[in-house]
């Protein structure tokens, strides 16, 4: 049986990461971390997830230039073009190249 004491410290680190990236939904957080793991998410131990958390620059999205109104949020790209994969889109977004 695994040590249950590993759970709270892991969740605290995940919570810190998510709070720094509060515009992300839970699924987006997990997706980004899974991209950093570069493996099936079923198998990594918590220490590998923590490495992924620490390797992603925070905050992940740069919204400083936008006012958070509904009209401005519509300008934030939320889908890819038919010629672009989701991974390509996320890389552009991370580099600040995805302008709405």
Protein backbone atom coordinates (compact mmCIF):
# COMPACT_ATOMS: atom_id res chain seq x y z
CA UNK A 1 0.00 0.00 0.00
CA UNK A 2 1.24 3.47 -0.85
CA UNK A 3 1.97 6.08 1.77
CA UNK A 4 -1.11 8.28 2.16
CA UNK A 5 1.08 11.15 3.41
CA UNK A 6 2.14 11.87 -0.17
CA UNK A 7 -1.34 13.09 -1.13
CA UNK A 8 -1.71 16.39 0.74
CA UNK A 9 1.72 17.81 -0.23
CA UNK A 10 1.06 16.90 -3.86
CA UNK A 11 -2.40 18.51 -3.84
CA UNK A 12 -0.94 21.64 -2.23
CA UNK A 13 1.58 22.01 -5.07
CA UNK A 14 -1.11 21.37 -7.64
CA UNK A 15 -3.29 23.99 -5.92
CA UNK A 16 -0.48 26.58 -5.97
CA UNK A 17 0.06 25.97 -9.69
CA UNK A 18 -3.66 26.22 -10.42
CA UNK A 19 -4.05 29.43 -8.39
CA UNK A 20 -1.22 30.99 -10.41
CA UNK A 21 -3.12 29.91 -13.54
CA UNK A 22 -6.64 30.54 -12.30
CA UNK A 23 -8.08 31.11 -15.77
CA UNK A 24 -7.45 27.46 -16.61
CA UNK A 25 -10.12 24.86 -16.06
CA UNK A 26 -9.18 21.64 -14.26
CA UNK A 27 -9.03 19.63 -17.48
CA UNK A 28 -6.69 22.21 -19.01
CA UNK A 29 -4.39 22.00 -15.99
CA UNK A 30 -4.19 18.23 -16.27
CA UNK A 31 -3.75 18.40 -20.05
CA UNK A 32 -0.82 20.83 -19.75
CA UNK A 33 0.84 18.73 -17.08
CA UNK A 34 0.34 15.57 -19.14
CA UNK A 35 1.99 17.32 -22.10
CA UNK A 36 5.03 17.98 -19.89
CA UNK A 37 5.15 14.35 -18.77
CA UNK A 38 5.28 13.12 -22.37
CA UNK A 39 3.90 9.74 -21.32
CA UNK A 40 0.62 8.06 -20.48
CA UNK A 41 -0.83 9.85 -17.45
CA UNK A 42 -1.82 6.57 -15.79
CA UNK A 43 1.70 5.53 -14.78
CA UNK A 44 3.80 8.46 -13.45
CA UNK A 45 4.35 8.72 -9.72
CA UNK A 46 3.59 11.98 -7.92
CA UNK A 47 7.22 13.09 -8.05
CA UNK A 48 7.06 13.09 -11.87
CA UNK A 49 3.85 15.15 -11.77
CA UNK A 50 5.58 17.59 -9.41
CA UNK A 51 8.46 17.88 -11.86
CA UNK A 52 5.94 18.73 -14.57
CA UNK A 53 4.27 21.33 -12.34
CA UNK A 54 7.61 23.00 -11.64
CA UNK A 55 8.72 22.94 -15.27
CA UNK A 56 5.80 24.98 -16.62
CA UNK A 57 6.30 28.72 -16.52
CA UNK A 58 3.63 30.38 -14.41
CA UNK A 59 1.40 32.06 -15.10
CA UNK A 60 0.94 29.96 -18.19
CA UNK A 61 -1.34 32.43 -19.98
CA UNK A 62 -0.48 36.10 -20.29
CA UNK A 63 -3.68 38.11 -19.97
CA UNK A 64 -2.18 41.38 -18.68
CA UNK A 65 -2.99 43.27 -21.88
CA UNK A 66 -6.64 42.26 -21.93
CA UNK A 67 -9.45 43.70 -19.93
CA UNK A 68 -11.56 40.82 -18.75
CA UNK A 69 -14.83 41.75 -20.36
CA UNK A 70 -16.94 39.35 -22.36
CA UNK A 71 -16.00 41.18 -25.55
CA UNK A 72 -12.28 40.92 -24.86
CA UNK A 73 -12.53 37.28 -23.84
CA UNK A 74 -14.10 36.53 -27.21
CA UNK A 75 -10.80 37.66 -28.77
CA UNK A 76 -8.87 34.94 -26.94
CA UNK A 77 -8.52 31.98 -29.29
CA UNK A 78 -10.32 28.95 -27.97
CA UNK A 79 -10.03 26.58 -30.88
CA UNK A 80 -7.59 25.64 -33.58
CA UNK A 81 -7.88 26.09 -37.29
CA UNK A 82 -8.55 23.05 -39.44
CA UNK A 83 -4.85 23.05 -40.42
CA UNK A 84 -3.45 23.29 -36.91
CA UNK A 85 -3.29 20.60 -34.27
CA UNK A 86 -4.17 21.33 -30.66
CA UNK A 87 -0.52 20.84 -29.69
CA UNK A 88 0.59 23.43 -32.26
CA UNK A 89 -2.03 25.86 -31.00
CA UNK A 90 -0.97 25.40 -27.36
CA UNK A 91 2.68 25.95 -28.29
CA UNK A 92 1.77 29.19 -30.09
CA UNK A 93 -0.32 30.27 -27.11
CA UNK A 94 2.51 29.52 -24.69
CA UNK A 95 4.88 31.59 -26.84
CA UNK A 96 2.41 34.46 -27.00
CA UNK A 97 1.89 34.07 -30.74
CA UNK A 98 -1.83 33.20 -30.65
CA UNK A 99 -3.59 36.50 -31.11
CA UNK A 100 -7.35 36.52 -31.39
